PDB file of N, CA and C in Angstrom:
ATOM      1  N   UNK A   1     184.833 -33.205 162.773  1.00  0.00           N
ATOM      2  CA  UNK A   1     183.956 -32.438 163.381  1.00  0.00           C
ATOM      3  C   UNK A   1     182.830 -33.141 164.179  1.00  0.00           C
ATOM      4  N   UNK A   2     182.404 -32.210 164.963  1.00  0.00           N
ATOM      5  CA  UNK A   2     181.047 -33.052 165.107  1.00  0.00           C
ATOM      6  C   UNK A   2     180.646 -31.248 165.497  1.00  0.00           C
ATOM      7  N   UNK A   3     179.223 -31.682 164.769  1.00  0.00           N
ATOM      8  CA  UNK A   3     178.826 -30.327 164.331  1.00  0.00           C
ATOM      9  C   UNK A   3     177.346 -30.530 164.639  1.00  0.00           C
ATOM     10  N   UNK A   4     177.241 -31.656 165.464  1.00  0.00           N
ATOM     11  CA  UNK A   4     175.627 -31.566 166.575  1.00  0.00           C
ATOM     12  C   UNK A   4     176.058 -32.484 167.390  1.00  0.00           C
ATOM     13  N   UNK A   5     175.744 -32.270 168.664  1.00  0.00           N
ATOM     14  CA  UNK A   5     176.392 -33.799 169.656  1.00  0.00           C
ATOM     15  C   UNK A   5     177.335 -33.714 170.431  1.00  0.00           C
ATOM     16  N   UNK A   6     177.087 -34.658 171.475  1.00  0.00           N
ATOM     17  CA  UNK A   6     179.206 -34.348 171.661  1.00  0.00           C
ATOM     18  C   UNK A   6     178.682 -35.401 171.780  1.00  0.00           C
ATOM     19  N   UNK A   7     180.123 -35.512 171.679  1.00  0.00           N
ATOM     20  CA  UNK A   7     181.246 -37.575 172.474  1.00  0.00           C
ATOM     21  C   UNK A   7     181.384 -37.197 174.227  1.00  0.00           C
ATOM     22  N   UNK A   8     180.947 -37.777 174.723  1.00  0.00           N
ATOM     23  CA  UNK A   8     181.883 -37.859 175.998  1.00  0.00           C
ATOM     24  C   UNK A   8     183.709 -39.736 176.383  1.00  0.00           C
ATOM     25  N   UNK A   9     184.184 -38.843 176.586  1.00  0.00           N
ATOM     26  CA  UNK A   9     185.062 -40.166 176.923  1.00  0.00           C
ATOM     27  C   UNK A   9     185.272 -40.292 178.067  1.00  0.00           C
ATOM     28  N   UNK A  10     185.241 -40.806 179.165  1.00  0.00           N
ATOM     29  CA  UNK A  10     185.631 -41.845 179.727  1.00  0.00           C
ATOM     30  C   UNK A  10     186.999 -41.986 180.634  1.00  0.00           C
ATOM     31  N   UNK A  11     188.133 -41.890 180.845  1.00  0.00           N
ATOM     32  CA  UNK A  11     189.161 -42.729 181.538  1.00  0.00           C
ATOM     33  C   UNK A  11     188.893 -42.508 183.313  1.00  0.00           C
ATOM     34  N   UNK A  12     189.794 -43.637 183.255  1.00  0.00           N
ATOM     35  CA  UNK A  12     189.751 -44.154 185.153  1.00  0.00           C
ATOM     36  C   UNK A  12     191.765 -44.091 184.982  1.00  0.00           C
ATOM     37  N   UNK A  13     191.459 -43.328 185.446  1.00  0.00           N
ATOM     38  CA  UNK A  13     192.741 -42.014 186.147  1.00  0.00           C
ATOM     39  C   UNK A  13     193.993 -42.057 187.263  1.00  0.00           C
ATOM     40  N   UNK A  14     192.698 -42.767 188.290  1.00  0.00           N
ATOM     41  CA  UNK A  14     192.893 -42.798 190.285  1.00  0.00           C
ATOM     42  C   UNK A  14     192.110 -43.831 190.270  1.00  0.00           C
ATOM     43  N   UNK A  15     192.472 -44.873 191.411  1.00  0.00           N
ATOM     44  CA  UNK A  15     191.859 -45.236 192.364  1.00  0.00           C
ATOM     45  C   UNK A  15     190.729 -44.807 192.550  1.00  0.00           C
ATOM     46  N   UNK A  16     189.827 -44.035 192.987  1.00  0.00           N
ATOM     47  CA  UNK A  16     189.026 -43.463 193.228  1.00  0.00           C
ATOM     48  C   UNK A  16     188.260 -42.636 192.707  1.00  0.00           C
ATOM     49  N   UNK A  17     188.406 -42.421 191.412  1.00  0.00           N
ATOM     50  CA  UNK A  17     188.333 -41.315 190.346  1.00  0.00           C
ATOM     51  C   UNK A  17     187.825 -41.190 188.967  1.00  0.00           C
ATOM     52  N   UNK A  18     187.166 -41.129 187.911  1.00  0.00           N
ATOM     53  CA  UNK A  18     186.752 -41.590 186.835  1.00  0.00           C
ATOM     54  C   UNK A  18     186.933 -40.323 186.407  1.00  0.00           C
ATOM     55  N   UNK A  19     187.812 -39.143 185.303  1.00  0.00           N
ATOM     56  CA  UNK A  19     188.200 -38.706 184.429  1.00  0.00           C
ATOM     57  C   UNK A  19     187.406 -38.458 182.893  1.00  0.00           C
ATOM     58  N   UNK A  20     186.845 -36.917 182.640  1.00  0.00           N
ATOM     59  CA  UNK A  20     185.315 -37.720 181.540  1.00  0.00           C
ATOM     60  C   UNK A  20     185.633 -35.675 180.633  1.00  0.00           C
ATOM     61  N   UNK A  21     186.685 -36.509 179.403  1.00  0.00           N
ATOM     62  CA  UNK A  21     186.661 -35.583 177.900  1.00  0.00           C
ATOM     63  C   UNK A  21     185.409 -34.818 177.504  1.00  0.00           C
ATOM     64  N   UNK A  22     185.182 -33.597 177.326  1.00  0.00           N
ATOM     65  CA  UNK A  22     183.569 -33.253 176.801  1.00  0.00           C
ATOM     66  C   UNK A  22     184.579 -33.030 175.081  1.00  0.00           C
ATOM     67  N   UNK A  23     184.583 -33.801 174.287  1.00  0.00           N
ATOM     68  CA  UNK A  23     183.528 -31.845 173.123  1.00  0.00           C
ATOM     69  C   UNK A  23     182.470 -32.645 172.488  1.00  0.00           C
ATOM     70  N   UNK A  24     182.028 -30.956 172.179  1.00  0.00           N
ATOM     71  CA  UNK A  24     181.110 -30.897 171.609  1.00  0.00           C
ATOM     72  C   UNK A  24     180.950 -29.159 171.020  1.00  0.00           C
ATOM     73  N   UNK A  25     180.218 -29.991 168.909  1.00  0.00           N
ATOM     74  CA  UNK A  25     180.193 -28.488 168.703  1.00  0.00           C
ATOM     75  C   UNK A  25     181.263 -28.119 167.853  1.00  0.00           C
ATOM     76  N   UNK A  26     182.029 -29.421 167.550  1.00  0.00           N
ATOM     77  CA  UNK A  26     183.700 -28.819 167.552  1.00  0.00           C
ATOM     78  C   UNK A  26     184.644 -28.159 168.416  1.00  0.00           C
ATOM     79  N   UNK A  27     184.338 -28.724 169.341  1.00  0.00           N
ATOM     80  CA  UNK A  27     184.496 -27.499 170.769  1.00  0.00           C
ATOM     81  C   UNK A  27     185.430 -28.515 171.708  1.00  0.00           C
ATOM     82  N   UNK A  28     186.464 -28.511 172.241  1.00  0.00           N
ATOM     83  CA  UNK A  28     186.783 -29.287 173.638  1.00  0.00           C
ATOM     84  C   UNK A  28     186.609 -29.109 174.408  1.00  0.00           C
ATOM     85  N   UNK A  29     185.771 -28.984 175.398  1.00  0.00           N
ATOM     86  CA  UNK A  29     185.649 -28.556 176.262  1.00  0.00           C
ATOM     87  C   UNK A  29     186.512 -28.925 177.525  1.00  0.00           C
ATOM     88  N   UNK A  30     187.034 -28.672 178.934  1.00  0.00           N
ATOM     89  CA  UNK A  30     187.643 -29.077 179.968  1.00  0.00           C
ATOM     90  C   UNK A  30     187.510 -30.845 180.440  1.00  0.00           C
ATOM     91  N   UNK A  31     187.577 -30.792 181.191  1.00  0.00           N
ATOM     92  CA  UNK A  31     188.412 -32.235 182.307  1.00  0.00           C
ATOM     93  C   UNK A  31     186.855 -32.574 182.973  1.00  0.00           C
ATOM     94  N   UNK A  32     186.395 -33.314 183.580  1.00  0.00           N
ATOM     95  CA  UNK A  32     186.225 -32.958 183.962  1.00  0.00           C
ATOM     96  C   UNK A  32     186.233 -34.513 185.060  1.00  0.00           C
ATOM     97  N   UNK A  33     186.720 -34.086 186.988  1.00  0.00           N
ATOM     98  CA  UNK A  33     186.716 -35.653 187.483  1.00  0.00           C
ATOM     99  C   UNK A  33     185.453 -35.777 187.928  1.00  0.00           C
ATOM    100  N   UNK A  34     185.172 -36.560 188.402  1.00  0.00           N
ATOM    101  CA  UNK A  34     184.538 -38.372 189.488  1.00  0.00           C
ATOM    102  C   UNK A  34     185.137 -38.547 190.054  1.00  0.00           C
ATOM    103  N   UNK A  35     183.765 -38.067 191.328  1.00  0.00           N
ATOM    104  CA  UNK A  35     184.752 -38.804 192.951  1.00  0.00           C
ATOM    105  C   UNK A  35     183.963 -39.967 192.519  1.00  0.00           C
ATOM    106  N   UNK A  36     184.935 -41.522 192.815  1.00  0.00           N
ATOM    107  CA  UNK A  36     183.467 -42.468 192.870  1.00  0.00           C
ATOM    108  C   UNK A  36     182.885 -43.178 194.508  1.00  0.00           C
ATOM    109  N   UNK A  37     182.230 -42.592 194.904  1.00  0.00           N
ATOM    110  CA  UNK A  37     181.354 -42.183 195.485  1.00  0.00           C
ATOM    111  C   UNK A  37     180.212 -40.849 195.517  1.00  0.00           C
ATOM    112  N   UNK A  38     180.045 -40.507 194.464  1.00  0.00           N
ATOM    113  CA  UNK A  38     179.500 -39.527 194.323  1.00  0.00           C
ATOM    114  C   UNK A  38     179.787 -38.732 192.772  1.00  0.00           C
ATOM    115  N   UNK A  39     179.480 -40.127 191.589  1.00  0.00           N
ATOM    116  CA  UNK A  39     179.851 -40.491 190.549  1.00  0.00           C
ATOM    117  C   UNK A  39     178.358 -39.487 189.341  1.00  0.00           C
ATOM    118  N   UNK A  40     177.723 -40.710 189.852  1.00  0.00           N
ATOM    119  CA  UNK A  40     176.703 -40.883 189.611  1.00  0.00           C
ATOM    120  C   UNK A  40     175.457 -39.714 189.668  1.00  0.00           C
ATOM    121  N   UNK A  41     175.564 -38.668 190.785  1.00  0.00           N
ATOM    122  CA  UNK A  41     174.962 -37.131 191.532  1.00  0.00           C
ATOM    123  C   UNK A  41     175.836 -37.006 189.955  1.00  0.00           C
ATOM    124  N   UNK A  42     177.107 -36.546 189.932  1.00  0.00           N
ATOM    125  CA  UNK A  42     178.004 -35.198 189.092  1.00  0.00           C
ATOM    126  C   UNK A  42     178.206 -35.990 187.501  1.00  0.00           C
ATOM    127  N   UNK A  43     177.783 -36.679 187.000  1.00  0.00           N
ATOM    128  CA  UNK A  43     177.488 -37.449 186.215  1.00  0.00           C
ATOM    129  C   UNK A  43     176.462 -36.871 185.455  1.00  0.00           C
ATOM    130  N   UNK A  44     175.302 -37.747 185.718  1.00  0.00           N
ATOM    131  CA  UNK A  44     173.656 -36.846 185.752  1.00  0.00           C
ATOM    132  C   UNK A  44     173.968 -35.236 185.929  1.00  0.00           C
ATOM    133  N   UNK A  45     174.563 -34.788 186.538  1.00  0.00           N
ATOM    134  CA  UNK A  45     174.990 -33.071 186.545  1.00  0.00           C
ATOM    135  C   UNK A  45     175.472 -32.513 184.739  1.00  0.00           C
ATOM    136  N   UNK A  46     176.685 -32.969 184.855  1.00  0.00           N
ATOM    137  CA  UNK A  46     177.340 -33.207 183.155  1.00  0.00           C
ATOM    138  C   UNK A  46     176.571 -33.361 182.658  1.00  0.00           C
ATOM    139  N   UNK A  47     175.514 -34.500 182.185  1.00  0.00           N
ATOM    140  CA  UNK A  47     174.814 -34.669 181.061  1.00  0.00           C
ATOM    141  C   UNK A  47     173.657 -32.935 181.207  1.00  0.00           C
ATOM    142  N   UNK A  48     172.932 -33.517 182.155  1.00  0.00           N
ATOM    143  CA  UNK A  48     172.276 -32.253 181.845  1.00  0.00           C
ATOM    144  C   UNK A  48     172.363 -30.639 182.047  1.00  0.00           C
ATOM    145  N   UNK A  49     173.209 -30.550 181.880  1.00  0.00           N
ATOM    146  CA  UNK A  49     173.961 -29.140 181.442  1.00  0.00           C
ATOM    147  C   UNK A  49     175.228 -29.124 179.709  1.00  0.00           C
ATOM    148  N   UNK A  50     175.465 -30.620 179.698  1.00  0.00           N
ATOM    149  CA  UNK A  50     175.360 -30.324 178.088  1.00  0.00           C
ATOM    150  C   UNK A  50     174.184 -30.548 177.061  1.00  0.00           C
ATOM    151  N   UNK A  51     173.443 -31.413 177.890  1.00  0.00           N
ATOM    152  CA  UNK A  51     171.508 -31.427 176.652  1.00  0.00           C
ATOM    153  C   UNK A  51     171.272 -30.256 176.853  1.00  0.00           C
ATOM    154  N   UNK A  52     171.483 -28.748 178.434  1.00  0.00           N
ATOM    155  CA  UNK A  52     171.038 -28.236 178.313  1.00  0.00           C
ATOM    156  C   UNK A  52     171.176 -26.537 177.287  1.00  0.00           C
ATOM    157  N   UNK A  53     172.718 -26.953 177.124  1.00  0.00           N
ATOM    158  CA  UNK A  53     173.891 -26.562 176.075  1.00  0.00           C
ATOM    159  C   UNK A  53     173.176 -26.226 174.354  1.00  0.00           C
ATOM    160  N   UNK A  54     173.246 -27.789 174.371  1.00  0.00           N
ATOM    161  CA  UNK A  54     172.984 -28.161 173.241  1.00  0.00           C
ATOM    162  C   UNK A  54     171.648 -27.767 172.471  1.00  0.00           C
ATOM    163  N   UNK A  55     170.812 -27.454 173.540  1.00  0.00           N
ATOM    164  CA  UNK A  55     169.367 -27.134 172.850  1.00  0.00           C
ATOM    165  C   UNK A  55     168.597 -25.489 173.260  1.00  0.00           C
ATOM    166  N   UNK A  56     169.926 -24.876 173.247  1.00  0.00           N
ATOM    167  CA  UNK A  56     170.368 -23.668 173.493  1.00  0.00           C
ATOM    168  C   UNK A  56     170.588 -22.790 172.517  1.00  0.00           C
ATOM    169  N   UNK A  57     171.927 -23.874 171.627  1.00  0.00           N
ATOM    170  CA  UNK A  57     172.146 -23.733 170.292  1.00  0.00           C
ATOM    171  C   UNK A  57     171.670 -24.268 169.069  1.00  0.00           C
ATOM    172  N   UNK A  58     170.798 -24.940 169.553  1.00  0.00           N
ATOM    173  CA  UNK A  58     169.277 -25.490 168.723  1.00  0.00           C
ATOM    174  C   UNK A  58     168.812 -24.314 168.372  1.00  0.00           C
ATOM    175  N   UNK A  59     168.398 -23.488 169.918  1.00  0.00           N
ATOM    176  CA  UNK A  59     167.295 -22.492 169.262  1.00  0.00           C
ATOM    177  C   UNK A  59     167.710 -21.341 169.129  1.00  0.00           C
ATOM    178  N   UNK A  60     168.911 -21.136 169.767  1.00  0.00           N
ATOM    179  CA  UNK A  60     169.615 -19.958 168.645  1.00  0.00           C
ATOM    180  C   UNK A  60     170.023 -19.758 167.289  1.00  0.00           C
ATOM    181  N   UNK A  61     169.539 -21.229 166.056  1.00  0.00           N
ATOM    182  CA  UNK A  61     170.081 -21.660 165.190  1.00  0.00           C
ATOM    183  C   UNK A  61     168.486 -21.985 164.699  1.00  0.00           C
ATOM    184  N   UNK A  62     167.629 -21.933 165.211  1.00  0.00           N
ATOM    185  CA  UNK A  62     166.242 -21.888 165.343  1.00  0.00           C
ATOM    186  C   UNK A  62     165.994 -20.299 164.897  1.00  0.00           C
ATOM    187  N   UNK A  63     166.793 -19.632 165.414  1.00  0.00           N
ATOM    188  CA  UNK A  63     165.121 -18.451 165.241  1.00  0.00           C
ATOM    189  C   UNK A  63     167.239 -17.655 164.440  1.00  0.00           C
ATOM    190  N   UNK A  64     167.801 -18.017 164.437  1.00  0.00           N
ATOM    191  CA  UNK A  64     168.890 -17.349 162.852  1.00  0.00           C
ATOM    192  C   UNK A  64     168.619 -16.792 161.660  1.00  0.00           C
ATOM    193  N   UNK A  65     168.130 -18.545 161.556  1.00  0.00           N
ATOM    194  CA  UNK A  65     166.894 -18.877 160.222  1.00  0.00           C
ATOM    195  C   UNK A  65     166.302 -17.739 159.862  1.00  0.00           C
TER     196      UNK A  65
END
């Protein structure tokens, strides 16, 4: 189980699609598909979302102590 951090697994599903499965904080989040033509932008958005979520979780834990 992941208590802190995130695991991202990438799978080639179709000719022009890649799929990512994300596990963060002991929970599996939904899968995300990336288009071949826009994967860099989509991946950057995904990583920013994960980092923001992790940052807010860390902040909440600090406030609870």
